[in-house]
C-alpha atoms as a PDB file:
ATOM      1  CA  MET A   1     143.332  54.907  80.862  1.00  0.00           C
ATOM      2  CA  SER A   2     139.874  55.162  80.573  1.00  0.00           C
ATOM      3  CA  ARG A   3     137.841  55.381  77.434  1.00  0.00           C
ATOM      4  CA  ALA A   4     135.996  58.780  78.779  1.00  0.00           C
ATOM      5  CA  VAL A   5     139.836  60.904  78.618  1.00  0.00           C
ATOM      6  CA  ARG A   6     141.465  58.885  75.933  1.00  0.00           C
ATOM      7  CA  TRP A   7     138.032  60.618  73.898  1.00  0.00           C
ATOM      8  CA  GLY A   8     139.214  63.405  75.526  1.00  0.00           C
ATOM      9  CA  GLU A   9     143.019  63.929  74.211  1.00  0.00           C
ATOM     10  CA  VAL A  10     141.199  62.833  70.268  1.00  0.00           C
ATOM     11  CA  VAL A  11     139.370  64.943  70.583  1.00  0.00           C
ATOM     12  CA  LEU A  12     141.923  67.812  71.769  1.00  0.00           C
ATOM     13  CA  LEU A  13     143.703  66.605  68.555  1.00  0.00           C
ATOM     14  CA  LEU A  14     141.175  66.768  66.192  1.00  0.00           C
ATOM     15  CA  ILE A  15     140.718  70.593  66.908  1.00  0.00           C
ATOM     16  CA  PRO A  16     144.132  72.158  64.780  1.00  0.00           C
ATOM     17  CA  VAL A  17     143.106  69.485  61.566  1.00  0.00           C
ATOM     18  CA  GLY A  18     140.578  72.010  59.650  1.00  0.00           C
ATOM     19  CA  CYS A  19     137.475  73.855  58.992  1.00  0.00           C
ATOM     20  CA  THR A  20     135.965  75.984  56.130  1.00  0.00           C
ATOM     21  CA  LYS A  21     135.106  79.227  58.610  1.00  0.00           C
ATOM     22  CA  ASP A  22     136.776  80.120  61.229  1.00  0.00           C
ATOM     23  CA  GLU A  23     133.294  79.563  63.066  1.00  0.00           C
ATOM     24  CA  ASP A  24     133.049  76.097  62.175  1.00  0.00           C
ATOM     25  CA  TYR A  25     136.665  75.420  64.597  1.00  0.00           C
ATOM     26  CA  VAL A  26     134.956  77.234  67.683  1.00  0.00           C
ATOM     27  CA  GLU A  27     132.159  75.567  67.654  1.00  0.00           C
ATOM     28  CA  VAL A  28     133.267  71.781  67.278  1.00  0.00           C
ATOM     29  CA  ALA A  29     135.408  72.877  69.446  1.00  0.00           C
ATOM     30  CA  ARG A  30     133.134  74.321  72.297  1.00  0.00           C
ATOM     31  CA  GLU A  31     130.981  71.317  71.560  1.00  0.00           C
ATOM     32  CA  GLN A  32     133.614  69.397  72.669  1.00  0.00           C
ATOM     33  CA  ARG A  33     134.346  71.057  75.546  1.00  0.00           C
ATOM     34  CA  SER A  34     130.503  70.646  77.003  1.00  0.00           C
ATOM     35  CA  ALA A  35     130.518  67.204  76.050  1.00  0.00           C
ATOM     36  CA  TRP A  36     133.379  66.466  77.956  1.00  0.00           C
ATOM     37  CA  GLN A  37     131.908  68.605  80.642  1.00  0.00           C
ATOM     38  CA  GLU A  38     128.497  66.461  80.691  1.00  0.00           C
ATOM     39  CA  MET A  39     130.458  63.892  81.164  1.00  0.00           C
ATOM     40  CA  ALA A  40     132.039  64.534  83.933  1.00  0.00           C
ATOM     41  CA  ASP A  41     129.359  65.511  85.674  1.00  0.00           C
ATOM     42  CA  ILE A  42     127.426  62.455  84.903  1.00  0.00           C
ATOM     43  CA  LEU A  43     130.690  60.797  86.094  1.00  0.00           C
ATOM     44  CA  ALA A  44     130.596  62.794  89.308  1.00  0.00           C
ATOM     45  CA  LYS A  45     127.043  61.775  90.291  1.00  0.00           C
ATOM     46  CA  VAL A  46     128.601  57.987  90.611  1.00  0.00           C
ATOM     47  CA  LYS A  47     128.202  57.104  93.808  1.00  0.00           C
ATOM     48  CA  ASP A  48     127.139  53.616  94.123  1.00  0.00           C
ATOM     49  CA  GLU A  49     125.720  50.759  91.750  1.00  0.00           C
ATOM     50  CA  LYS A  50     122.159  52.661  91.067  1.00  0.00           C
ATOM     51  CA  SER A  51     123.742  55.817  90.067  1.00  0.00           C
ATOM     52  CA  MET A  52     126.270  53.760  88.008  1.00  0.00           C
ATOM     53  CA  ALA A  53     123.250  52.053  86.227  1.00  0.00           C
ATOM     54  CA  ASP A  54     121.477  55.780  86.005  1.00  0.00           C
ATOM     55  CA  ALA A  55     124.954  57.567  84.182  1.00  0.00           C
ATOM     56  CA  LYS A  56     125.121  54.103  81.723  1.00  0.00           C
ATOM     57  CA  THR A  57     122.473  54.821  80.736  1.00  0.00           C
ATOM     58  CA  ALA A  58     122.796  58.397  80.550  1.00  0.00           C
ATOM     59  CA  LEU A  59     126.012  57.833  78.291  1.00  0.00           C
ATOM     60  CA  VAL A  60     124.949  55.813  76.386  1.00  0.00           C
ATOM     61  CA  GLU A  61     121.510  57.857  75.079  1.00  0.00           C
ATOM     62  CA  ARG A  62     124.563  60.836  74.725  1.00  0.00           C
ATOM     63  CA  GLY A  63     126.014  58.438  72.659  1.00  0.00           C
ATOM     64  CA  PRO A  64     125.581  59.342  69.097  1.00  0.00           C
ATOM     65  CA  LYS A  65     124.961  62.981  69.956  1.00  0.00           C
ATOM     66  CA  TYR A  66     129.157  62.463  71.207  1.00  0.00           C
ATOM     67  CA  GLU A  67     130.393  60.975  68.003  1.00  0.00           C
ATOM     68  CA  GLY A  68     128.228  63.415  65.767  1.00  0.00           C
ATOM     69  CA  ILE A  69     130.778  66.268  67.881  1.00  0.00           C
ATOM     70  CA  ALA A  70     133.922  64.136  66.675  1.00  0.00           C
ATOM     71  CA  ARG A  71     132.812  63.372  63.293  1.00  0.00           C
ATOM     72  CA  LYS A  72     132.424  67.128  62.454  1.00  0.00           C
ATOM     73  CA  ALA A  73     135.806  67.206  64.724  1.00  0.00           C
ATOM     74  CA  LYS A  74     137.106  64.918  61.871  1.00  0.00           C
ATOM     75  CA  ALA A  75     135.312  66.271  58.442  1.00  0.00           C
ATOM     76  CA  LEU A  76     137.221  70.017  59.271  1.00  0.00           C
ATOM     77  CA  PRO A  77     140.133  70.328  57.062  1.00  0.00           C
ATOM     78  CA  LYS A  78     143.412  72.145  58.209  1.00  0.00           C
ATOM     79  CA  PRO A  79     142.766  75.223  59.766  1.00  0.00           C
ATOM     80  CA  SER A  80     144.382  78.486  59.109  1.00  0.00           C
ATOM     81  CA  ALA A  81     147.418  79.317  62.139  1.00  0.00           C
ATOM     82  CA  GLU A  82     144.874  82.492  62.206  1.00  0.00           C
ATOM     83  CA  VAL A  83     142.728  79.777  63.754  1.00  0.00           C
ATOM     84  CA  VAL A  84     145.188  77.848  65.918  1.00  0.00           C
ATOM     85  CA  LYS A  85     145.524  80.760  67.386  1.00  0.00           C
ATOM     86  CA  ARG A  86     142.203  81.253  68.687  1.00  0.00           C
ATOM     87  CA  LEU A  87     141.899  77.906  69.829  1.00  0.00           C
ATOM     88  CA  GLN A  88     144.646  78.337  71.780  1.00  0.00           C
ATOM     89  CA  GLU A  89     143.413  81.378  73.811  1.00  0.00           C
ATOM     90  CA  ASP A  90     140.673  78.607  75.316  1.00  0.00           C
ATOM     91  CA  GLU A  91     143.100  75.847  75.574  1.00  0.00           C
ATOM     92  CA  PHE A  92     143.401  76.903  79.654  1.00  0.00           C
ATOM     93  CA  LEU A  93     139.253  75.741  79.790  1.00  0.00           C
ATOM     94  CA  ILE A  94     140.143  72.702  77.247  1.00  0.00           C
ATOM     95  CA  LYS A  95     143.076  71.091  79.762  1.00  0.00           C
ATOM     96  CA  ALA A  96     140.939  72.277  82.809  1.00  0.00           C
ATOM     97  CA  THR A  97     138.062  70.357  81.449  1.00  0.00           C
ATOM     98  CA  LEU A  98     139.966  67.319  80.789  1.00  0.00           C
ATOM     99  CA  LYS A  99     141.417  66.778  84.153  1.00  0.00           C
ATOM    100  CA  ASN A 100     137.587  66.811  85.762  1.00  0.00           C
ATOM    101  CA  LEU A 101     136.646  64.467  83.203  1.00  0.00           C
ATOM    102  CA  ARG A 102     139.893  62.445  83.909  1.00  0.00           C
ATOM    103  CA  THR A 103     139.878  62.997  87.728  1.00  0.00           C
ATOM    104  CA  GLN A 104     135.947  61.867  87.326  1.00  0.00           C
ATOM    105  CA  ALA A 105     137.053  58.430  85.417  1.00  0.00           C
ATOM    106  CA  GLU A 106     139.478  57.454  87.406  1.00  0.00           C
ATOM    107  CA  ARG A 107     137.600  58.184  90.885  1.00  0.00           C
ATOM    108  CA  VAL A 108     134.421  56.183  89.483  1.00  0.00           C
ATOM    109  CA  GLY A 109     136.824  52.967  88.371  1.00  0.00           C
ATOM    110  CA  LYS A 110     138.297  52.649  91.565  1.00  0.00           C
ATOM    111  CA  LEU A 111     134.130  52.664  93.407  1.00  0.00           C
ATOM    112  CA  PRO A 112     132.903  48.631  93.567  1.00  0.00           C
ATOM    113  CA  GLY A 113     132.524  47.704  90.298  1.00  0.00           C
ATOM    114  CA  GLY A 114     134.066  51.257  88.526  1.00  0.00           C
ATOM    115  CA  LYS A 115     136.709  49.079  86.443  1.00  0.00           C
ATOM    116  CA  GLU A 116     134.398  46.607  84.712  1.00  0.00           C
ATOM    117  CA  PHE A 117     131.364  49.853  84.372  1.00  0.00           C
ATOM    118  CA  MET A 118     134.254  52.001  82.149  1.00  0.00           C
ATOM    119  CA  LYS A 119     135.406  48.869  80.627  1.00  0.00           C
ATOM    120  CA  GLN A 120     131.879  49.002  79.341  1.00  0.00           C
ATOM    121  CA  PHE A 121     132.723  52.121  77.388  1.00  0.00           C
ATOM    122  CA  GLU A 122     136.338  51.039  76.659  1.00  0.00           C
ATOM    123  CA  SER A 123     135.545  47.743  74.428  1.00  0.00           C
ATOM    124  CA  SER A 124     131.814  48.419  73.853  1.00  0.00           C
ATOM    125  CA  SER A 125     132.082  51.995  71.227  1.00  0.00           C
ATOM    126  CA  GLN A 126     134.912  53.781  70.227  1.00  0.00           C
ATOM    127  CA  GLY A 127     132.857  56.344  69.899  1.00  0.00           C
ATOM    128  CA  LEU A 128     131.795  57.439  73.045  1.00  0.00           C
ATOM    129  CA  PHE A 129     134.483  59.283  74.847  1.00  0.00           C
ATOM    130  CA  SER A 130     136.389  59.340  71.364  1.00  0.00           C
ATOM    131  CA  ALA A 131     134.088  61.892  70.590  1.00  0.00           C
ATOM    132  CA  VAL A 132     135.150  64.284  73.269  1.00  0.00           C
ATOM    133  CA  GLN A 133     138.387  63.961  72.741  1.00  0.00           C
ATOM    134  CA  PRO A 134     141.060  66.575  72.158  1.00  0.00           C
END
């Protein structure tokens, strides 16, 4: 399983962990979903070695942003039942975004050099894709 996919799954696990204000949870969930979509969009452009190099640059540049989202999610306390219910309303969108990210990561992994490309993110920084995990 690619790191991008694992990152997405970690974020989903973090959503019900907690926070102070209801809006804090919603905001972090939206940021996570947006980051997953951004990663999927970057990977969708990968067609060859040059576009793979461009994607690497883009993902590395955005790494600190993704890690910041993960830190915010981890810092939230356990949410109330009301917040969990509210977040579940977006479950379809979250799952669809993660499916898209997973699909792109798997597609890129099948390209020449793709396995190595995806492994860089798996071994070098657990934060990059893990930052955007559910």
